[in-house]
C-alpha atoms as a PDB file:
ATOM      1  CA  UNK A   1      38.728  -8.447  42.291  1.00  0.00           C
ATOM      2  CA  UNK A   2      40.113  -5.565  40.218  1.00  0.00           C
ATOM      3  CA  UNK A   3      42.096  -2.844  41.927  1.00  0.00           C
ATOM      4  CA  UNK A   4      40.181   0.346  42.577  1.00  0.00           C
ATOM      5  CA  UNK A   5      40.887   3.466  40.604  1.00  0.00           C
ATOM      6  CA  UNK A   6      41.152   1.744  37.214  1.00  0.00           C
ATOM      7  CA  UNK A   7      38.623   3.133  34.715  1.00  0.00           C
ATOM      8  CA  UNK A   8      37.810   1.855  31.246  1.00  0.00           C
ATOM      9  CA  UNK A   9      36.820   4.531  28.725  1.00  0.00           C
ATOM     10  CA  UNK A  10      34.865   3.051  25.815  1.00  0.00           C
ATOM     11  CA  UNK A  11      34.500   5.310  22.780  1.00  0.00           C
ATOM     12  CA  UNK A  12      31.304   4.640  20.820  1.00  0.00           C
ATOM     13  CA  UNK A  13      30.575   8.115  19.428  1.00  0.00           C
ATOM     14  CA  UNK A  14      32.240   7.803  16.013  1.00  0.00           C
ATOM     15  CA  UNK A  15      30.185   8.481  12.901  1.00  0.00           C
ATOM     16  CA  UNK A  16      31.147   5.303  11.034  1.00  0.00           C
ATOM     17  CA  UNK A  17      30.943   7.146   7.714  1.00  0.00           C
ATOM     18  CA  UNK A  18      33.246   4.671   5.944  1.00  0.00           C
ATOM     19  CA  UNK A  19      30.724   1.870   6.448  1.00  0.00           C
ATOM     20  CA  UNK A  20      28.917   3.326   3.423  1.00  0.00           C
ATOM     21  CA  UNK A  21      25.479   2.828   4.944  1.00  0.00           C
ATOM     22  CA  UNK A  22      25.804  -0.973   5.002  1.00  0.00           C
ATOM     23  CA  UNK A  23      25.014  -0.869   8.724  1.00  0.00           C
ATOM     24  CA  UNK A  24      23.341   1.994  10.559  1.00  0.00           C
ATOM     25  CA  UNK A  25      25.889   1.991  13.388  1.00  0.00           C
ATOM     26  CA  UNK A  26      28.997  -0.203  13.315  1.00  0.00           C
ATOM     27  CA  UNK A  27      29.210  -0.173  17.128  1.00  0.00           C
ATOM     28  CA  UNK A  28      25.753  -1.756  17.325  1.00  0.00           C
ATOM     29  CA  UNK A  29      26.240  -4.067  14.342  1.00  0.00           C
ATOM     30  CA  UNK A  30      25.984  -7.767  15.210  1.00  0.00           C
ATOM     31  CA  UNK A  31      29.276  -9.635  15.120  1.00  0.00           C
ATOM     32  CA  UNK A  32      28.530 -13.348  15.288  1.00  0.00           C
ATOM     33  CA  UNK A  33      25.272 -12.465  17.020  1.00  0.00           C
ATOM     34  CA  UNK A  34      26.719 -10.048  19.575  1.00  0.00           C
ATOM     35  CA  UNK A  35      26.876  -6.244  19.115  1.00  0.00           C
ATOM     36  CA  UNK A  36      30.387  -4.982  18.418  1.00  0.00           C
ATOM     37  CA  UNK A  37      30.520  -2.752  21.492  1.00  0.00           C
ATOM     38  CA  UNK A  38      29.380  -5.588  23.779  1.00  0.00           C
ATOM     39  CA  UNK A  39      32.288  -7.720  22.556  1.00  0.00           C
ATOM     40  CA  UNK A  40      34.678  -4.872  23.356  1.00  0.00           C
ATOM     41  CA  UNK A  41      33.153  -4.397  26.796  1.00  0.00           C
ATOM     42  CA  UNK A  42      33.090  -8.119  27.604  1.00  0.00           C
ATOM     43  CA  UNK A  43      36.771  -8.573  26.784  1.00  0.00           C
ATOM     44  CA  UNK A  44      37.743  -5.695  29.045  1.00  0.00           C
ATOM     45  CA  UNK A  45      35.563  -6.856  31.917  1.00  0.00           C
ATOM     46  CA  UNK A  46      36.723 -10.461  31.584  1.00  0.00           C
ATOM     47  CA  UNK A  47      40.325  -9.291  31.859  1.00  0.00           C
ATOM     48  CA  UNK A  48      39.659  -7.610  35.213  1.00  0.00           C
ATOM     49  CA  UNK A  49      41.644  -4.497  34.289  1.00  0.00           C
ATOM     50  CA  UNK A  50      39.034  -2.002  35.479  1.00  0.00           C
ATOM     51  CA  UNK A  51      36.228  -1.678  37.973  1.00  0.00           C
ATOM     52  CA  UNK A  52      34.446   1.267  36.325  1.00  0.00           C
ATOM     53  CA  UNK A  53      33.336   2.092  32.794  1.00  0.00           C
ATOM     54  CA  UNK A  54      32.827   5.470  31.144  1.00  0.00           C
ATOM     55  CA  UNK A  55      30.873   4.872  27.934  1.00  0.00           C
ATOM     56  CA  UNK A  56      30.965   7.715  25.409  1.00  0.00           C
ATOM     57  CA  UNK A  57      27.913   7.911  23.142  1.00  0.00           C
ATOM     58  CA  UNK A  58      27.121  10.011  20.061  1.00  0.00           C
ATOM     59  CA  UNK A  59      23.552  11.268  20.598  1.00  0.00           C
ATOM     60  CA  UNK A  60      20.316  10.509  22.429  1.00  0.00           C
ATOM     61  CA  UNK A  61      19.162   7.966  19.850  1.00  0.00           C
ATOM     62  CA  UNK A  62      22.386   5.966  20.083  1.00  0.00           C
ATOM     63  CA  UNK A  63      22.365   6.231  23.886  1.00  0.00           C
ATOM     64  CA  UNK A  64      18.931   4.592  24.020  1.00  0.00           C
ATOM     65  CA  UNK A  65      20.131   1.733  21.814  1.00  0.00           C
ATOM     66  CA  UNK A  66      23.308   1.183  23.827  1.00  0.00           C
ATOM     67  CA  UNK A  67      21.391   1.151  27.096  1.00  0.00           C
ATOM     68  CA  UNK A  68      18.846  -1.283  25.661  1.00  0.00           C
ATOM     69  CA  UNK A  69      21.645  -3.700  24.774  1.00  0.00           C
ATOM     70  CA  UNK A  70      23.174  -3.422  28.239  1.00  0.00           C
ATOM     71  CA  UNK A  71      19.861  -3.863  30.047  1.00  0.00           C
ATOM     72  CA  UNK A  72      19.707  -7.499  28.969  1.00  0.00           C
ATOM     73  CA  UNK A  73      23.097  -8.343  30.519  1.00  0.00           C
ATOM     74  CA  UNK A  74      24.081  -8.664  34.162  1.00  0.00           C
ATOM     75  CA  UNK A  75      27.410  -6.884  34.685  1.00  0.00           C
ATOM     76  CA  UNK A  76      27.341  -7.304  38.458  1.00  0.00           C
ATOM     77  CA  UNK A  77      28.871  -4.456  40.446  1.00  0.00           C
ATOM     78  CA  UNK A  78      30.460  -2.656  37.505  1.00  0.00           C
ATOM     79  CA  UNK A  79      29.739   1.080  37.660  1.00  0.00           C
ATOM     80  CA  UNK A  80      28.710   2.739  34.368  1.00  0.00           C
ATOM     81  CA  UNK A  81      28.959   6.450  33.593  1.00  0.00           C
ATOM     82  CA  UNK A  82      27.497   7.848  30.367  1.00  0.00           C
ATOM     83  CA  UNK A  83      29.143  10.800  28.622  1.00  0.00           C
ATOM     84  CA  UNK A  84      28.161  12.456  25.347  1.00  0.00           C
ATOM     85  CA  UNK A  85      31.049  12.677  22.900  1.00  0.00           C
ATOM     86  CA  UNK A  86      32.194  15.549  20.731  1.00  0.00           C
ATOM     87  CA  UNK A  87      32.496  16.036  17.000  1.00  0.00           C
ATOM     88  CA  UNK A  88      36.049  14.629  16.999  1.00  0.00           C
ATOM     89  CA  UNK A  89      37.616  11.715  18.835  1.00  0.00           C
ATOM     90  CA  UNK A  90      39.889  13.924  20.919  1.00  0.00           C
ATOM     91  CA  UNK A  91      36.903  15.925  22.159  1.00  0.00           C
ATOM     92  CA  UNK A  92      35.177  12.698  23.172  1.00  0.00           C
ATOM     93  CA  UNK A  93      38.243  11.587  25.117  1.00  0.00           C
ATOM     94  CA  UNK A  94      38.455  14.913  26.975  1.00  0.00           C
ATOM     95  CA  UNK A  95      34.788  14.653  27.966  1.00  0.00           C
ATOM     96  CA  UNK A  96      35.353  11.112  29.241  1.00  0.00           C
ATOM     97  CA  UNK A  97      38.493  12.026  31.169  1.00  0.00           C
ATOM     98  CA  UNK A  98      36.737  14.889  32.909  1.00  0.00           C
ATOM     99  CA  UNK A  99      34.007  12.434  33.978  1.00  0.00           C
ATOM    100  CA  UNK A 100      36.601  10.033  35.441  1.00  0.00           C
ATOM    101  CA  UNK A 101      38.167  12.466  37.901  1.00  0.00           C
ATOM    102  CA  UNK A 102      38.641   9.946  40.738  1.00  0.00           C
ATOM    103  CA  UNK A 103      40.694   7.525  38.614  1.00  0.00           C
ATOM    104  CA  UNK A 104      44.300   6.490  39.142  1.00  0.00           C
ATOM    105  CA  UNK A 105      44.622   4.814  35.729  1.00  0.00           C
ATOM    106  CA  UNK A 106      42.482   4.960  32.591  1.00  0.00           C
ATOM    107  CA  UNK A 107      42.266   2.584  29.632  1.00  0.00           C
ATOM    108  CA  UNK A 108      41.032   4.330  26.474  1.00  0.00           C
ATOM    109  CA  UNK A 109      39.513   1.870  24.008  1.00  0.00           C
ATOM    110  CA  UNK A 110      37.792   2.266  20.653  1.00  0.00           C
ATOM    111  CA  UNK A 111      34.662   0.087  20.692  1.00  0.00           C
ATOM    112  CA  UNK A 112      35.403  -0.644  17.037  1.00  0.00           C
ATOM    113  CA  UNK A 113      38.178  -3.036  18.167  1.00  0.00           C
ATOM    114  CA  UNK A 114      35.997  -5.856  19.527  1.00  0.00           C
ATOM    115  CA  UNK A 115      38.528  -8.698  19.350  1.00  0.00           C
ATOM    116  CA  UNK A 116      41.078  -7.473  21.888  1.00  0.00           C
ATOM    117  CA  UNK A 117      42.045 -10.404  24.109  1.00  0.00           C
ATOM    118  CA  UNK A 118      41.881 -10.477  27.913  1.00  0.00           C
ATOM    119  CA  UNK A 119      45.480 -11.729  27.960  1.00  0.00           C
ATOM    120  CA  UNK A 120      46.695  -8.666  26.047  1.00  0.00           C
ATOM    121  CA  UNK A 121      44.682  -6.419  28.338  1.00  0.00           C
ATOM    122  CA  UNK A 122      46.234  -7.901  31.451  1.00  0.00           C
ATOM    123  CA  UNK A 123      49.710  -7.385  29.979  1.00  0.00           C
ATOM    124  CA  UNK A 124      48.734  -3.780  29.249  1.00  0.00           C
ATOM    125  CA  UNK A 125      47.637  -3.276  32.855  1.00  0.00           C
ATOM    126  CA  UNK A 126      50.886  -4.681  34.255  1.00  0.00           C
ATOM    127  CA  UNK A 127      52.864  -2.306  32.046  1.00  0.00           C
ATOM    128  CA  UNK A 128      50.887   0.855  32.762  1.00  0.00           C
ATOM    129  CA  UNK A 129      51.082   0.247  36.512  1.00  0.00           C
ATOM    130  CA  UNK A 130      54.848  -0.140  36.186  1.00  0.00           C
ATOM    131  CA  UNK A 131      55.612   2.589  33.618  1.00  0.00           C
ATOM    132  CA  UNK A 132      52.697   5.017  33.717  1.00  0.00           C
ATOM    133  CA  UNK A 133      51.821   4.829  29.996  1.00  0.00           C
ATOM    134  CA  UNK A 134      51.335   1.805  27.758  1.00  0.00           C
ATOM    135  CA  UNK A 135      49.843   0.902  24.387  1.00  0.00           C
ATOM    136  CA  UNK A 136      48.994  -2.342  22.609  1.00  0.00           C
ATOM    137  CA  UNK A 137      50.700  -2.435  19.212  1.00  0.00           C
ATOM    138  CA  UNK A 138      52.071  -4.765  16.555  1.00  0.00           C
ATOM    139  CA  UNK A 139      55.084  -4.439  14.272  1.00  0.00           C
ATOM    140  CA  UNK A 140      54.468  -3.277  10.702  1.00  0.00           C
ATOM    141  CA  UNK A 141      55.143  -6.064   8.203  1.00  0.00           C
ATOM    142  CA  UNK A 142      54.504  -4.200   4.931  1.00  0.00           C
ATOM    143  CA  UNK A 143      57.102  -2.072   3.217  1.00  0.00           C
ATOM    144  CA  UNK A 144      56.077   1.533   3.912  1.00  0.00           C
ATOM    145  CA  UNK A 145      56.983   4.399   1.569  1.00  0.00           C
ATOM    146  CA  UNK A 146      56.588   8.133   2.159  1.00  0.00           C
ATOM    147  CA  UNK A 147      55.763  10.525  -0.703  1.00  0.00           C
ATOM    148  CA  UNK A 148      56.621  14.257  -0.867  1.00  0.00           C
ATOM    149  CA  UNK A 149      53.009  15.486  -1.001  1.00  0.00           C
ATOM    150  CA  UNK A 150      49.678  13.907  -0.071  1.00  0.00           C
ATOM    151  CA  UNK A 151      48.287  13.569  -3.620  1.00  0.00           C
ATOM    152  CA  UNK A 152      51.551  13.376  -5.546  1.00  0.00           C
ATOM    153  CA  UNK A 153      51.151   9.845  -6.933  1.00  0.00           C
ATOM    154  CA  UNK A 154      52.358   9.942 -10.539  1.00  0.00           C
ATOM    155  CA  UNK A 155      56.094   9.387 -11.067  1.00  0.00           C
ATOM    156  CA  UNK A 156      56.704  10.437  -7.489  1.00  0.00           C
ATOM    157  CA  UNK A 157      59.691  10.068  -5.212  1.00  0.00           C
ATOM    158  CA  UNK A 158      59.352   7.137  -2.783  1.00  0.00           C
ATOM    159  CA  UNK A 159      61.136   7.580   0.510  1.00  0.00           C
ATOM    160  CA  UNK A 160      61.952   4.323   2.330  1.00  0.00           C
ATOM    161  CA  UNK A 161      61.176   4.072   6.037  1.00  0.00           C
ATOM    162  CA  UNK A 162      62.923   1.627   8.354  1.00  0.00           C
ATOM    163  CA  UNK A 163      60.309  -1.080   8.826  1.00  0.00           C
ATOM    164  CA  UNK A 164      62.069  -2.461  11.909  1.00  0.00           C
ATOM    165  CA  UNK A 165      61.256   0.783  13.721  1.00  0.00           C
ATOM    166  CA  UNK A 166      57.577   0.970  12.723  1.00  0.00           C
ATOM    167  CA  UNK A 167      54.754  -0.152  15.002  1.00  0.00           C
ATOM    168  CA  UNK A 168      51.016   0.035  14.325  1.00  0.00           C
ATOM    169  CA  UNK A 169      49.147   1.449  17.303  1.00  0.00           C
ATOM    170  CA  UNK A 170      46.071  -0.286  18.687  1.00  0.00           C
ATOM    171  CA  UNK A 171      43.746   0.311  21.616  1.00  0.00           C
ATOM    172  CA  UNK A 172      43.334   0.241  24.522  1.00  0.00           C
ATOM    173  CA  UNK A 173      45.972   2.803  25.361  1.00  0.00           C
ATOM    174  CA  UNK A 174      46.514   3.146  29.105  1.00  0.00           C
ATOM    175  CA  UNK A 175      47.827   5.968  31.280  1.00  0.00           C
ATOM    176  CA  UNK A 176      48.155   7.349  34.755  1.00  0.00           C
ATOM    177  CA  UNK A 177      45.141   9.609  34.988  1.00  0.00           C
ATOM    178  CA  UNK A 178      46.791  12.916  35.962  1.00  0.00           C
ATOM    179  CA  UNK A 179      49.274  12.735  33.069  1.00  0.00           C
ATOM    180  CA  UNK A 180      46.784  11.961  30.294  1.00  0.00           C
ATOM    181  CA  UNK A 181      44.343  14.580  31.615  1.00  0.00           C
ATOM    182  CA  UNK A 182      47.129  17.170  31.560  1.00  0.00           C
ATOM    183  CA  UNK A 183      48.064  16.071  28.043  1.00  0.00           C
ATOM    184  CA  UNK A 184      44.551  16.415  26.655  1.00  0.00           C
ATOM    185  CA  UNK A 185      44.055  19.780  28.314  1.00  0.00           C
ATOM    186  CA  UNK A 186      47.299  20.873  26.658  1.00  0.00           C
ATOM    187  CA  UNK A 187      45.984  19.621  23.302  1.00  0.00           C
ATOM    188  CA  UNK A 188      42.755  21.563  23.763  1.00  0.00           C
ATOM    189  CA  UNK A 189      44.450  24.741  24.974  1.00  0.00           C
ATOM    190  CA  UNK A 190      46.838  24.839  22.025  1.00  0.00           C
ATOM    191  CA  UNK A 191      44.242  23.603  19.489  1.00  0.00           C
ATOM    192  CA  UNK A 192      46.430  20.685  18.419  1.00  0.00           C
ATOM    193  CA  UNK A 193      45.267  17.825  16.212  1.00  0.00           C
ATOM    194  CA  UNK A 194      46.243  14.308  17.246  1.00  0.00           C
ATOM    195  CA  UNK A 195      45.275  10.851  16.014  1.00  0.00           C
ATOM    196  CA  UNK A 196      45.674   8.789  19.184  1.00  0.00           C
ATOM    197  CA  UNK A 197      46.213   9.097  22.911  1.00  0.00           C
ATOM    198  CA  UNK A 198      49.957   8.435  22.897  1.00  0.00           C
ATOM    199  CA  UNK A 199      50.302  11.468  20.607  1.00  0.00           C
ATOM    200  CA  UNK A 200      48.506  13.575  23.213  1.00  0.00           C
ATOM    201  CA  UNK A 201      50.922  12.382  25.903  1.00  0.00           C
ATOM    202  CA  UNK A 202      53.901  13.176  23.671  1.00  0.00           C
ATOM    203  CA  UNK A 203      52.810  16.839  23.462  1.00  0.00           C
ATOM    204  CA  UNK A 204      53.784  17.260  27.120  1.00  0.00           C
ATOM    205  CA  UNK A 205      57.082  15.439  26.660  1.00  0.00           C
ATOM    206  CA  UNK A 206      56.153  12.072  28.170  1.00  0.00           C
ATOM    207  CA  UNK A 207      56.947   8.627  26.771  1.00  0.00           C
ATOM    208  CA  UNK A 208      54.896   5.446  26.314  1.00  0.00           C
ATOM    209  CA  UNK A 209      55.818   1.775  26.646  1.00  0.00           C
ATOM    210  CA  UNK A 210      54.803  -0.566  23.807  1.00  0.00           C
ATOM    211  CA  UNK A 211      53.105  -3.850  24.721  1.00  0.00           C
ATOM    212  CA  UNK A 212      53.504  -6.184  21.720  1.00  0.00           C
ATOM    213  CA  UNK A 213      50.186  -7.837  20.869  1.00  0.00           C
ATOM    214  CA  UNK A 214      50.402 -11.064  18.905  1.00  0.00           C
ATOM    215  CA  UNK A 215      46.643 -11.691  18.770  1.00  0.00           C
ATOM    216  CA  UNK A 216      44.498 -10.017  16.066  1.00  0.00           C
ATOM    217  CA  UNK A 217      42.948  -6.749  17.241  1.00  0.00           C
ATOM    218  CA  UNK A 218      41.627  -5.160  14.025  1.00  0.00           C
ATOM    219  CA  UNK A 219      39.610  -1.964  13.896  1.00  0.00           C
ATOM    220  CA  UNK A 220      36.238  -2.208  12.179  1.00  0.00           C
ATOM    221  CA  UNK A 221      36.073   0.650   9.701  1.00  0.00           C
ATOM    222  CA  UNK A 222      34.521  -0.817   6.528  1.00  0.00           C
ATOM    223  CA  UNK A 223      31.991  -3.611   5.833  1.00  0.00           C
ATOM    224  CA  UNK A 224      34.882  -5.881   4.853  1.00  0.00           C
ATOM    225  CA  UNK A 225      36.311  -5.472   8.352  1.00  0.00           C
ATOM    226  CA  UNK A 226      33.110  -6.897   9.849  1.00  0.00           C
ATOM    227  CA  UNK A 227      33.446  -9.967   7.641  1.00  0.00           C
ATOM    228  CA  UNK A 228      37.105 -10.343   8.596  1.00  0.00           C
ATOM    229  CA  UNK A 229      36.321 -10.071  12.301  1.00  0.00           C
ATOM    230  CA  UNK A 230      33.586 -12.705  11.943  1.00  0.00           C
ATOM    231  CA  UNK A 231      36.069 -15.006  10.181  1.00  0.00           C
ATOM    232  CA  UNK A 232      38.564 -14.535  13.013  1.00  0.00           C
ATOM    233  CA  UNK A 233      35.905 -15.404  15.573  1.00  0.00           C
ATOM    234  CA  UNK A 234      34.982 -18.517  13.604  1.00  0.00           C
ATOM    235  CA  UNK A 235      38.503 -19.792  14.172  1.00  0.00           C
ATOM    236  CA  UNK A 236      37.785 -20.232  17.883  1.00  0.00           C
ATOM    237  CA  UNK A 237      35.741 -23.179  19.060  1.00  0.00           C
ATOM    238  CA  UNK A 238      33.519 -21.072  21.313  1.00  0.00           C
ATOM    239  CA  UNK A 239      32.330 -18.838  18.487  1.00  0.00           C
ATOM    240  CA  UNK A 240      31.787 -21.399  15.706  1.00  0.00           C
ATOM    241  CA  UNK A 241      28.197 -22.307  16.647  1.00  0.00           C
ATOM    242  CA  UNK A 242      27.105 -18.636  16.828  1.00  0.00           C
ATOM    243  CA  UNK A 243      28.691 -17.198  13.707  1.00  0.00           C
ATOM    244  CA  UNK A 244      26.671 -16.650  10.580  1.00  0.00           C
ATOM    245  CA  UNK A 245      27.864 -15.572   7.146  1.00  0.00           C
ATOM    246  CA  UNK A 246      26.390 -12.496   5.547  1.00  0.00           C
END
């Protein structure tokens, strides 16, 4: 049985604008016959990291679709809380955190990463319990260059970055609840802009432990990402019979 006080926050409120209209909602899009957000949820529940789920939805129409998907599945004693998200990711996270006030630890996961493995999640849990803040990540393998200005591309100066020090952040990102709530309230109070949860924690001077993740955990952003995720699933024996091209 999972320990009490561990809450999974699933973010499903994103607009998915970079899907280009290929699918109406990437979170609800079928991935080898199973909606993307259900794959994310199943992996987290299979891992046993949390006993409660806060699911952040975009609007009433999406909420009805998400609930319809869940109604066909028996999740046992798992407690679900529904929270409407904001216009930006960080607003959605704040709303979810405020709805999870009796938590000791929270795991903040983008539903658009449906391939996260239970093994990686259990390693994440061990680390956050020990250190108080943890994130799944993988080392950057490409050579990364920095340019002087955002759109300065022609005959520009290329600044080398030390690849050995670069890590690509994934989700879930896990934290002791009081610290991440304080961090996000600080972000809101000072009207800061952040791109992930570890950045919020850093604004109050706290550090995060990296949990190296060797298994693919891509984020679905474009139609090509859906095809790539389906290909990855086809590499496992369990998924081969269910996967369809297209």
